[in-house]
């Protein structure tokens, strides 16, 4: 479990950096400014793991509640 917690932030950072870099390079290659779509893509690159975290917390809370009943 400790290895998972230690690796998770690095994996998140690498994936977020990869997709952020791809978003920036795409805009640079197309000579585009910061459009709403590019800003949304950059936000999604940074925030996608929060969905996974909330899903896991919800699953754990649901399992704890159902095991008590």
PDB file of N, CA and C in Angstrom:
ATOM      1  N   UNK A   1       0.824  -1.194   0.000  1.00  0.00           N
ATOM      2  CA  UNK A   1       0.000   0.000   0.000  1.00  0.00           C
ATOM      3  C   UNK A   1       0.864   1.252   0.000  1.00  0.00           C
ATOM      4  N   UNK A   2       1.974   1.244   0.755  1.00  0.00           N
ATOM      5  CA  UNK A   2       2.848   2.415   0.797  1.00  0.00           C
ATOM      6  C   UNK A   2       3.481   2.699  -0.560  1.00  0.00           C
ATOM      7  N   UNK A   3       3.792   1.649  -1.309  1.00  0.00           N
ATOM      8  CA  UNK A   3       4.366   1.842  -2.643  1.00  0.00           C
ATOM      9  C   UNK A   3       3.347   2.505  -3.548  1.00  0.00           C
ATOM     10  N   UNK A   4       2.088   2.075  -3.448  1.00  0.00           N
ATOM     11  CA  UNK A   4       1.033   2.658  -4.265  1.00  0.00           C
ATOM     12  C   UNK A   4       0.872   4.141  -3.969  1.00  0.00           C
ATOM     13  N   UNK A   5       0.866   4.512  -2.707  1.00  0.00           N
ATOM     14  CA  UNK A   5       0.719   5.915  -2.318  1.00  0.00           C
ATOM     15  C   UNK A   5       1.942   6.715  -2.766  1.00  0.00           C
ATOM     16  N   UNK A   6       3.112   6.112  -2.733  1.00  0.00           N
ATOM     17  CA  UNK A   6       4.322   6.806  -3.167  1.00  0.00           C
ATOM     18  C   UNK A   6       4.407   6.982  -4.668  1.00  0.00           C
ATOM     19  N   UNK A   7       3.865   6.027  -5.417  1.00  0.00           N
ATOM     20  CA  UNK A   7       3.944   6.065  -6.875  1.00  0.00           C
ATOM     21  C   UNK A   7       2.817   6.899  -7.478  1.00  0.00           C
ATOM     22  N   UNK A   8       1.674   6.917  -6.830  1.00  0.00           N
ATOM     23  CA  UNK A   8       0.501   7.593  -7.382  1.00  0.00           C
ATOM     24  C   UNK A   8       0.740   9.066  -7.725  1.00  0.00           C
ATOM     25  N   UNK A   9       1.329   9.877  -6.850  1.00  0.00           N
ATOM     26  CA  UNK A   9       1.561  11.283  -7.229  1.00  0.00           C
ATOM     27  C   UNK A   9       2.505  11.435  -8.421  1.00  0.00           C
ATOM     28  N   UNK A  10       3.509  10.570  -8.490  1.00  0.00           N
ATOM     29  CA  UNK A  10       4.429  10.643  -9.632  1.00  0.00           C
ATOM     30  C   UNK A  10       3.731  10.255 -10.929  1.00  0.00           C
ATOM     31  N   UNK A  11       2.919   9.217 -10.883  1.00  0.00           N
ATOM     32  CA  UNK A  11       2.180   8.799 -12.072  1.00  0.00           C
ATOM     33  C   UNK A  11       1.219   9.899 -12.512  1.00  0.00           C
ATOM     34  N   UNK A  12       0.518  10.492 -11.548  1.00  0.00           N
ATOM     35  CA  UNK A  12      -0.381  11.600 -11.862  1.00  0.00           C
ATOM     36  C   UNK A  12       0.379  12.746 -12.509  1.00  0.00           C
ATOM     37  N   UNK A  13       1.504  13.113 -11.918  1.00  0.00           N
ATOM     38  CA  UNK A  13       2.283  14.221 -12.442  1.00  0.00           C
ATOM     39  C   UNK A  13       2.792  13.965 -13.848  1.00  0.00           C
ATOM     40  N   UNK A  14       3.248  12.752 -14.105  1.00  0.00           N
ATOM     41  CA  UNK A  14       3.756  12.423 -15.439  1.00  0.00           C
ATOM     42  C   UNK A  14       2.648  12.439 -16.489  1.00  0.00           C
ATOM     43  N   UNK A  15       1.503  11.863 -16.158  1.00  0.00           N
ATOM     44  CA  UNK A  15       0.392  11.853 -17.118  1.00  0.00           C
ATOM     45  C   UNK A  15      -0.122  13.271 -17.351  1.00  0.00           C
ATOM     46  N   UNK A  16      -0.280  14.047 -16.297  1.00  0.00           N
ATOM     47  CA  UNK A  16      -0.748  15.430 -16.446  1.00  0.00           C
ATOM     48  C   UNK A  16       0.247  16.257 -17.258  1.00  0.00           C
ATOM     49  N   UNK A  17       1.540  16.081 -16.997  1.00  0.00           N
ATOM     50  CA  UNK A  17       2.557  16.822 -17.748  1.00  0.00           C
ATOM     51  C   UNK A  17       2.560  16.410 -19.220  1.00  0.00           C
ATOM     52  N   UNK A  18       2.374  15.129 -19.491  1.00  0.00           N
ATOM     53  CA  UNK A  18       2.340  14.657 -20.877  1.00  0.00           C
ATOM     54  C   UNK A  18       1.186  15.300 -21.637  1.00  0.00           C
ATOM     55  N   UNK A  19      -0.006  15.245 -21.060  1.00  0.00           N
ATOM     56  CA  UNK A  19      -1.160  15.800 -21.761  1.00  0.00           C
ATOM     57  C   UNK A  19      -1.121  17.320 -21.823  1.00  0.00           C
ATOM     58  N   UNK A  20      -0.574  17.959 -20.804  1.00  0.00           N
ATOM     59  CA  UNK A  20      -0.431  19.411 -20.845  1.00  0.00           C
ATOM     60  C   UNK A  20       0.561  19.806 -21.942  1.00  0.00           C
ATOM     61  N   UNK A  21       1.645  19.066 -22.054  1.00  0.00           N
ATOM     62  CA  UNK A  21       2.628  19.328 -23.102  1.00  0.00           C
ATOM     63  C   UNK A  21       2.015  19.142 -24.480  1.00  0.00           C
ATOM     64  N   UNK A  22       1.232  18.086 -24.651  1.00  0.00           N
ATOM     65  CA  UNK A  22       0.575  17.863 -25.941  1.00  0.00           C
ATOM     66  C   UNK A  22      -0.381  19.002 -26.280  1.00  0.00           C
ATOM     67  N   UNK A  23      -1.106  19.498 -25.282  1.00  0.00           N
ATOM     68  CA  UNK A  23      -2.028  20.609 -25.499  1.00  0.00           C
ATOM     69  C   UNK A  23      -1.274  21.874 -25.897  1.00  0.00           C
ATOM     70  N   UNK A  24      -0.185  22.153 -25.207  1.00  0.00           N
ATOM     71  CA  UNK A  24       0.608  23.343 -25.524  1.00  0.00           C
ATOM     72  C   UNK A  24       1.245  23.240 -26.908  1.00  0.00           C
ATOM     73  N   UNK A  25       1.784  22.065 -27.250  1.00  0.00           N
ATOM     74  CA  UNK A  25       2.415  21.887 -28.564  1.00  0.00           C
ATOM     75  C   UNK A  25       1.402  21.971 -29.699  1.00  0.00           C
ATOM     76  N   UNK A  26       0.208  21.463 -29.477  1.00  0.00           N
ATOM     77  CA  UNK A  26      -0.834  21.554 -30.492  1.00  0.00           C
ATOM     78  C   UNK A  26      -1.187  23.016 -30.771  1.00  0.00           C
ATOM     79  N   UNK A  27      -1.348  23.799 -29.735  1.00  0.00           N
ATOM     80  CA  UNK A  27      -1.649  25.215 -29.922  1.00  0.00           C
ATOM     81  C   UNK A  27      -0.505  25.968 -30.571  1.00  0.00           C
ATOM     82  N   UNK A  28       0.714  25.614 -30.200  1.00  0.00           N
ATOM     83  CA  UNK A  28       1.890  26.262 -30.795  1.00  0.00           C
ATOM     84  C   UNK A  28       2.014  25.918 -32.277  1.00  0.00           C
ATOM     85  N   UNK A  29       1.771  24.662 -32.631  1.00  0.00           N
ATOM     86  CA  UNK A  29       1.879  24.234 -34.029  1.00  0.00           C
ATOM     87  C   UNK A  29       0.801  24.885 -34.895  1.00  0.00           C
ATOM     88  N   UNK A  30      -0.381  25.092 -34.338  1.00  0.00           N
ATOM     89  CA  UNK A  30      -1.487  25.693 -35.090  1.00  0.00           C
ATOM     90  C   UNK A  30      -1.519  27.209 -34.972  1.00  0.00           C
ATOM     91  N   UNK A  31      -0.586  27.788 -34.230  1.00  0.00           N
ATOM     92  CA  UNK A  31      -0.523  29.236 -34.000  1.00  0.00           C
ATOM     93  C   UNK A  31      -1.836  29.748 -33.410  1.00  0.00           C
ATOM     94  N   UNK A  32      -2.421  28.947 -32.516  1.00  0.00           N
ATOM     95  CA  UNK A  32      -3.663  29.320 -31.852  1.00  0.00           C
ATOM     96  C   UNK A  32      -3.364  30.013 -30.540  1.00  0.00           C
ATOM     97  N   UNK A  33      -4.273  30.865 -30.135  1.00  0.00           N
ATOM     98  CA  UNK A  33      -4.188  31.456 -28.806  1.00  0.00           C
ATOM     99  C   UNK A  33      -4.855  30.532 -27.805  1.00  0.00           C
ATOM    100  N   UNK A  34      -5.120  31.060 -26.629  1.00  0.00           N
ATOM    101  CA  UNK A  34      -5.771  30.268 -25.591  1.00  0.00           C
ATOM    102  C   UNK A  34      -7.274  30.350 -25.784  1.00  0.00           C
ATOM    103  N   UNK A  35      -7.808  29.403 -26.550  1.00  0.00           N
ATOM    104  CA  UNK A  35      -9.239  29.338 -26.772  1.00  0.00           C
ATOM    105  C   UNK A  35      -9.900  28.652 -25.574  1.00  0.00           C
ATOM    106  N   UNK A  36     -11.218  28.712 -25.539  1.00  0.00           N
ATOM    107  CA  UNK A  36     -11.954  28.062 -24.462  1.00  0.00           C
ATOM    108  C   UNK A  36     -11.705  26.549 -24.474  1.00  0.00           C
ATOM    109  N   UNK A  37     -11.631  25.963 -25.654  1.00  0.00           N
ATOM    110  CA  UNK A  37     -11.390  24.522 -25.759  1.00  0.00           C
ATOM    111  C   UNK A  37     -10.010  24.159 -25.213  1.00  0.00           C
ATOM    112  N   UNK A  38      -9.005  24.972 -25.488  1.00  0.00           N
ATOM    113  CA  UNK A  38      -7.655  24.694 -24.985  1.00  0.00           C
ATOM    114  C   UNK A  38      -7.582  24.888 -23.478  1.00  0.00           C
ATOM    115  N   UNK A  39      -8.268  25.895 -22.955  1.00  0.00           N
ATOM    116  CA  UNK A  39      -8.304  26.087 -21.500  1.00  0.00           C
ATOM    117  C   UNK A  39      -9.017  24.927 -20.816  1.00  0.00           C
ATOM    118  N   UNK A  40     -10.116  24.456 -21.420  1.00  0.00           N
ATOM    119  CA  UNK A  40     -10.834  23.310 -20.856  1.00  0.00           C
ATOM    120  C   UNK A  40      -9.952  22.063 -20.898  1.00  0.00           C
ATOM    121  N   UNK A  41      -9.198  21.882 -21.968  1.00  0.00           N
ATOM    122  CA  UNK A  41      -8.287  20.743 -22.066  1.00  0.00           C
ATOM    123  C   UNK A  41      -7.192  20.811 -21.018  1.00  0.00           C
ATOM    124  N   UNK A  42      -6.655  21.997 -20.786  1.00  0.00           N
ATOM    125  CA  UNK A  42      -5.617  22.152 -19.770  1.00  0.00           C
ATOM    126  C   UNK A  42      -6.188  21.876 -18.373  1.00  0.00           C
ATOM    127  N   UNK A  43      -7.398  22.357 -18.122  1.00  0.00           N
ATOM    128  CA  UNK A  43      -8.037  22.076 -16.842  1.00  0.00           C
ATOM    129  C   UNK A  43      -8.312  20.597 -16.651  1.00  0.00           C
ATOM    130  N   UNK A  44      -8.735  19.932 -17.722  1.00  0.00           N
ATOM    131  CA  UNK A  44      -8.994  18.490 -17.641  1.00  0.00           C
ATOM    132  C   UNK A  44      -7.703  17.713 -17.385  1.00  0.00           C
ATOM    133  N   UNK A  45      -6.593  18.162 -17.953  1.00  0.00           N
ATOM    134  CA  UNK A  45      -5.301  17.508 -17.713  1.00  0.00           C
ATOM    135  C   UNK A  45      -4.927  17.552 -16.239  1.00  0.00           C
ATOM    136  N   UNK A  46      -5.255  18.640 -15.594  1.00  0.00           N
ATOM    137  CA  UNK A  46      -4.869  18.823 -14.199  1.00  0.00           C
ATOM    138  C   UNK A  46      -5.865  18.154 -13.252  1.00  0.00           C
ATOM    139  N   UNK A  47      -7.148  18.175 -13.577  1.00  0.00           N
ATOM    140  CA  UNK A  47      -8.180  17.763 -12.624  1.00  0.00           C
ATOM    141  C   UNK A  47      -8.691  16.337 -12.788  1.00  0.00           C
ATOM    142  N   UNK A  48      -8.285  15.593 -13.818  1.00  0.00           N
ATOM    143  CA  UNK A  48      -8.880  14.280 -14.042  1.00  0.00           C
ATOM    144  C   UNK A  48      -8.702  13.318 -12.874  1.00  0.00           C
ATOM    145  N   UNK A  49      -7.599  13.341 -12.118  1.00  0.00           N
ATOM    146  CA  UNK A  49      -7.481  12.369 -11.032  1.00  0.00           C
ATOM    147  C   UNK A  49      -8.468  12.605  -9.895  1.00  0.00           C
ATOM    148  N   UNK A  50      -8.968  13.817  -9.760  1.00  0.00           N
ATOM    149  CA  UNK A  50      -9.930  14.078  -8.693  1.00  0.00           C
ATOM    150  C   UNK A  50     -11.186  13.235  -8.866  1.00  0.00           C
ATOM    151  N   UNK A  51     -11.577  12.988 -10.107  1.00  0.00           N
ATOM    152  CA  UNK A  51     -12.721  12.124 -10.358  1.00  0.00           C
ATOM    153  C   UNK A  51     -12.463  10.726  -9.828  1.00  0.00           C
ATOM    154  N   UNK A  52     -11.273  10.209 -10.066  1.00  0.00           N
ATOM    155  CA  UNK A  52     -10.912   8.877  -9.588  1.00  0.00           C
ATOM    156  C   UNK A  52     -10.887   8.854  -8.060  1.00  0.00           C
ATOM    157  N   UNK A  53     -10.325   9.881  -7.446  1.00  0.00           N
ATOM    158  CA  UNK A  53     -10.251   9.943  -5.983  1.00  0.00           C
ATOM    159  C   UNK A  53     -11.657   9.967  -5.378  1.00  0.00           C
ATOM    160  N   UNK A  54     -12.543  10.809  -5.909  1.00  0.00           N
ATOM    161  CA  UNK A  54     -13.902  10.880  -5.387  1.00  0.00           C
ATOM    162  C   UNK A  54     -14.644   9.561  -5.587  1.00  0.00           C
ATOM    163  N   UNK A  55     -14.431   8.910  -6.719  1.00  0.00           N
ATOM    164  CA  UNK A  55     -15.064   7.619  -6.961  1.00  0.00           C
ATOM    165  C   UNK A  55     -14.589   6.584  -5.949  1.00  0.00           C
ATOM    166  N   UNK A  56     -13.286   6.524  -5.700  1.00  0.00           N
ATOM    167  CA  UNK A  56     -12.755   5.572  -4.728  1.00  0.00           C
ATOM    168  C   UNK A  56     -13.262   5.855  -3.320  1.00  0.00           C
ATOM    169  N   UNK A  57     -13.303   7.126  -2.932  1.00  0.00           N
ATOM    170  CA  UNK A  57     -13.815   7.474  -1.608  1.00  0.00           C
ATOM    171  C   UNK A  57     -15.294   7.110  -1.466  1.00  0.00           C
ATOM    172  N   UNK A  58     -16.052   7.337  -2.515  1.00  0.00           N
ATOM    173  CA  UNK A  58     -17.471   6.989  -2.488  1.00  0.00           C
ATOM    174  C   UNK A  58     -17.647   5.476  -2.371  1.00  0.00           C
ATOM    175  N   UNK A  59     -16.840   4.725  -3.120  1.00  0.00           N
ATOM    176  CA  UNK A  59     -16.931   3.266  -3.052  1.00  0.00           C
ATOM    177  C   UNK A  59     -16.564   2.765  -1.665  1.00  0.00           C
ATOM    178  N   UNK A  60     -15.530   3.339  -1.063  1.00  0.00           N
ATOM    179  CA  UNK A  60     -15.126   2.927   0.283  1.00  0.00           C
ATOM    180  C   UNK A  60     -16.198   3.269   1.313  1.00  0.00           C
ATOM    181  N   UNK A  61     -16.785   4.456   1.192  1.00  0.00           N
ATOM    182  CA  UNK A  61     -17.842   4.863   2.122  1.00  0.00           C
ATOM    183  C   UNK A  61     -19.080   3.980   1.952  1.00  0.00           C
ATOM    184  N   UNK A  62     -19.420   3.649   0.724  1.00  0.00           N
ATOM    185  CA  UNK A  62     -20.568   2.781   0.479  1.00  0.00           C
ATOM    186  C   UNK A  62     -20.341   1.385   1.032  1.00  0.00           C
ATOM    187  N   UNK A  63     -19.133   0.878   0.863  1.00  0.00           N
ATOM    188  CA  UNK A  63     -18.806  -0.452   1.374  1.00  0.00           C
ATOM    189  C   UNK A  63     -18.851  -0.463   2.905  1.00  0.00           C
ATOM    190  N   UNK A  64     -18.365   0.583   3.540  1.00  0.00           N
ATOM    191  CA  UNK A  64     -18.382   0.659   4.993  1.00  0.00           C
ATOM    192  C   UNK A  64     -19.815   0.754   5.519  1.00  0.00           C
ATOM    193  N   UNK A  65     -20.655   1.514   4.830  1.00  0.00           N
ATOM    194  CA  UNK A  65     -22.053   1.669   5.237  1.00  0.00           C
ATOM    195  C   UNK A  65     -22.821   0.375   5.066  1.00  0.00           C
ATOM    196  N   UNK A  66     -22.613  -0.314   3.949  1.00  0.00           N
ATOM    197  CA  UNK A  66     -23.350  -1.554   3.702  1.00  0.00           C
ATOM    198  C   UNK A  66     -22.874  -2.690   4.588  1.00  0.00           C
ATOM    199  N   UNK A  67     -21.619  -2.675   5.025  1.00  0.00           N
ATOM    200  CA  UNK A  67     -21.137  -3.738   5.893  1.00  0.00           C
ATOM    201  C   UNK A  67     -21.677  -3.586   7.318  1.00  0.00           C
ATOM    202  N   UNK A  68     -22.061  -2.381   7.722  1.00  0.00           N
ATOM    203  CA  UNK A  68     -22.634  -2.151   9.041  1.00  0.00           C
ATOM    204  C   UNK A  68     -24.078  -2.613   9.128  1.00  0.00           C
ATOM    205  N   UNK A  69     -24.754  -2.566   7.987  1.00  0.00           N
ATOM    206  CA  UNK A  69     -26.195  -2.884   7.988  1.00  0.00           C
ATOM    207  C   UNK A  69     -26.448  -4.369   8.053  1.00  0.00           C
TER     208      UNK A  69
END
